[in-house]
């Protein structure tokens, strides 16, 4: 997208609003997590990708009822370990 020329104020709690045009372009929705980083004196925001709670993989993840994600490989391993204990 590059330079937009849009300037925003930071409120007393350190918050600012990401312009709607930018949110729409990047498909950022309310409630999503953003990762905040600093790079060469610039604040960098990027979408936070949540992976498997066990191994961190982003591939083939399944949402649990608690909202956490687990990949099929870790789920399969957990089920096998539970079968052994029975």
C-alpha atoms as a PDB file:
ATOM      1  CA  UNK A   1       0.000   0.000   0.000  1.00  0.00           C
ATOM      2  CA  UNK A   2       2.890   2.360   0.736  1.00  0.00           C
ATOM      3  CA  UNK A   3       2.624   5.880   2.104  1.00  0.00           C
ATOM      4  CA  UNK A   4      -0.993   6.951   2.676  1.00  0.00           C
ATOM      5  CA  UNK A   5      -0.507  10.410   4.136  1.00  0.00           C
ATOM      6  CA  UNK A   6      -2.979   9.546   6.899  1.00  0.00           C
ATOM      7  CA  UNK A   7      -2.036  10.887  10.346  1.00  0.00           C
ATOM      8  CA  UNK A   8      -3.646   9.703  13.585  1.00  0.00           C
ATOM      9  CA  UNK A   9      -3.571  11.002  17.167  1.00  0.00           C
ATOM     10  CA  UNK A  10      -2.648   8.691  20.031  1.00  0.00           C
ATOM     11  CA  UNK A  11      -5.083   8.967  22.957  1.00  0.00           C
ATOM     12  CA  UNK A  12      -4.221   9.085  26.658  1.00  0.00           C
ATOM     13  CA  UNK A  13      -4.118   5.281  26.852  1.00  0.00           C
ATOM     14  CA  UNK A  14      -1.705   4.978  23.909  1.00  0.00           C
ATOM     15  CA  UNK A  15      -4.363   3.865  21.422  1.00  0.00           C
ATOM     16  CA  UNK A  16      -4.952   4.916  17.846  1.00  0.00           C
ATOM     17  CA  UNK A  17      -7.390   3.871  15.131  1.00  0.00           C
ATOM     18  CA  UNK A  18      -6.163   2.030  12.053  1.00  0.00           C
ATOM     19  CA  UNK A  19      -7.973   3.700   9.150  1.00  0.00           C
ATOM     20  CA  UNK A  20     -10.855   1.704   7.682  1.00  0.00           C
ATOM     21  CA  UNK A  21      -9.312   1.749   4.194  1.00  0.00           C
ATOM     22  CA  UNK A  22      -6.185   0.032   5.530  1.00  0.00           C
ATOM     23  CA  UNK A  23      -8.179  -2.479   7.620  1.00  0.00           C
ATOM     24  CA  UNK A  24     -10.267  -3.376   4.571  1.00  0.00           C
ATOM     25  CA  UNK A  25      -7.242  -3.669   2.274  1.00  0.00           C
ATOM     26  CA  UNK A  26      -5.470  -5.997   4.725  1.00  0.00           C
ATOM     27  CA  UNK A  27      -8.668  -7.828   5.735  1.00  0.00           C
ATOM     28  CA  UNK A  28      -8.220  -6.936   9.421  1.00  0.00           C
ATOM     29  CA  UNK A  29     -11.422  -7.535  11.383  1.00  0.00           C
ATOM     30  CA  UNK A  30     -12.529  -6.498  14.887  1.00  0.00           C
ATOM     31  CA  UNK A  31     -11.220  -8.885  17.531  1.00  0.00           C
ATOM     32  CA  UNK A  32      -8.229 -10.089  15.494  1.00  0.00           C
ATOM     33  CA  UNK A  33      -4.810 -10.201  17.095  1.00  0.00           C
ATOM     34  CA  UNK A  34      -2.043  -7.982  15.734  1.00  0.00           C
ATOM     35  CA  UNK A  35       1.641  -8.485  16.453  1.00  0.00           C
ATOM     36  CA  UNK A  36       3.501  -5.269  17.335  1.00  0.00           C
ATOM     37  CA  UNK A  37       7.209  -4.948  16.556  1.00  0.00           C
ATOM     38  CA  UNK A  38       9.807  -2.219  16.163  1.00  0.00           C
ATOM     39  CA  UNK A  39      12.066  -2.191  13.100  1.00  0.00           C
ATOM     40  CA  UNK A  40      14.623   0.544  12.462  1.00  0.00           C
ATOM     41  CA  UNK A  41      12.664   3.081  14.510  1.00  0.00           C
ATOM     42  CA  UNK A  42       9.298   2.205  12.964  1.00  0.00           C
ATOM     43  CA  UNK A  43       6.311   0.533  14.614  1.00  0.00           C
ATOM     44  CA  UNK A  44       5.320  -2.494  12.541  1.00  0.00           C
ATOM     45  CA  UNK A  45       1.895  -4.132  12.884  1.00  0.00           C
ATOM     46  CA  UNK A  46       1.194  -7.529  11.339  1.00  0.00           C
ATOM     47  CA  UNK A  47      -1.538 -10.114  11.630  1.00  0.00           C
ATOM     48  CA  UNK A  48      -0.771 -12.591  14.387  1.00  0.00           C
ATOM     49  CA  UNK A  49      -1.019 -16.148  13.166  1.00  0.00           C
ATOM     50  CA  UNK A  50      -2.027 -18.574  15.876  1.00  0.00           C
ATOM     51  CA  UNK A  51      -0.861 -22.149  15.471  1.00  0.00           C
ATOM     52  CA  UNK A  52      -1.068 -25.459  17.286  1.00  0.00           C
ATOM     53  CA  UNK A  53      -0.924 -24.983  21.058  1.00  0.00           C
ATOM     54  CA  UNK A  54       1.503 -27.928  21.312  1.00  0.00           C
ATOM     55  CA  UNK A  55       3.958 -27.595  18.412  1.00  0.00           C
ATOM     56  CA  UNK A  56       3.155 -24.159  16.944  1.00  0.00           C
ATOM     57  CA  UNK A  57       2.406 -25.502  13.452  1.00  0.00           C
ATOM     58  CA  UNK A  58       0.098 -23.407  11.280  1.00  0.00           C
ATOM     59  CA  UNK A  59      -0.785 -26.381   9.056  1.00  0.00           C
ATOM     60  CA  UNK A  60      -3.922 -28.499   9.380  1.00  0.00           C
ATOM     61  CA  UNK A  61      -5.074 -26.999  12.709  1.00  0.00           C
ATOM     62  CA  UNK A  62      -8.410 -27.796  14.338  1.00  0.00           C
ATOM     63  CA  UNK A  63     -10.148 -25.350  16.718  1.00  0.00           C
ATOM     64  CA  UNK A  64     -11.021 -26.834  20.107  1.00  0.00           C
ATOM     65  CA  UNK A  65     -14.120 -25.751  22.061  1.00  0.00           C
ATOM     66  CA  UNK A  66     -11.851 -23.627  24.290  1.00  0.00           C
ATOM     67  CA  UNK A  67     -10.716 -21.636  21.257  1.00  0.00           C
ATOM     68  CA  UNK A  68      -7.205 -23.092  21.211  1.00  0.00           C
ATOM     69  CA  UNK A  69      -5.908 -24.796  18.094  1.00  0.00           C
ATOM     70  CA  UNK A  70      -4.281 -28.215  17.779  1.00  0.00           C
ATOM     71  CA  UNK A  71      -2.852 -29.748  14.611  1.00  0.00           C
ATOM     72  CA  UNK A  72      -3.973 -33.170  13.429  1.00  0.00           C
ATOM     73  CA  UNK A  73      -0.550 -34.722  14.126  1.00  0.00           C
ATOM     74  CA  UNK A  74      -0.512 -33.576  17.780  1.00  0.00           C
ATOM     75  CA  UNK A  75      -4.148 -34.598  18.224  1.00  0.00           C
ATOM     76  CA  UNK A  76      -3.392 -38.048  16.835  1.00  0.00           C
ATOM     77  CA  UNK A  77      -0.386 -38.398  19.171  1.00  0.00           C
ATOM     78  CA  UNK A  78      -2.453 -37.289  22.189  1.00  0.00           C
ATOM     79  CA  UNK A  79      -5.198 -39.796  21.382  1.00  0.00           C
ATOM     80  CA  UNK A  80      -2.619 -42.593  21.041  1.00  0.00           C
ATOM     81  CA  UNK A  81      -1.076 -41.702  24.433  1.00  0.00           C
ATOM     82  CA  UNK A  82      -4.517 -41.728  26.052  1.00  0.00           C
ATOM     83  CA  UNK A  83      -5.230 -45.166  24.580  1.00  0.00           C
ATOM     84  CA  UNK A  84      -1.970 -46.506  26.064  1.00  0.00           C
ATOM     85  CA  UNK A  85      -2.904 -45.255  29.560  1.00  0.00           C
ATOM     86  CA  UNK A  86      -6.321 -46.965  29.494  1.00  0.00           C
END
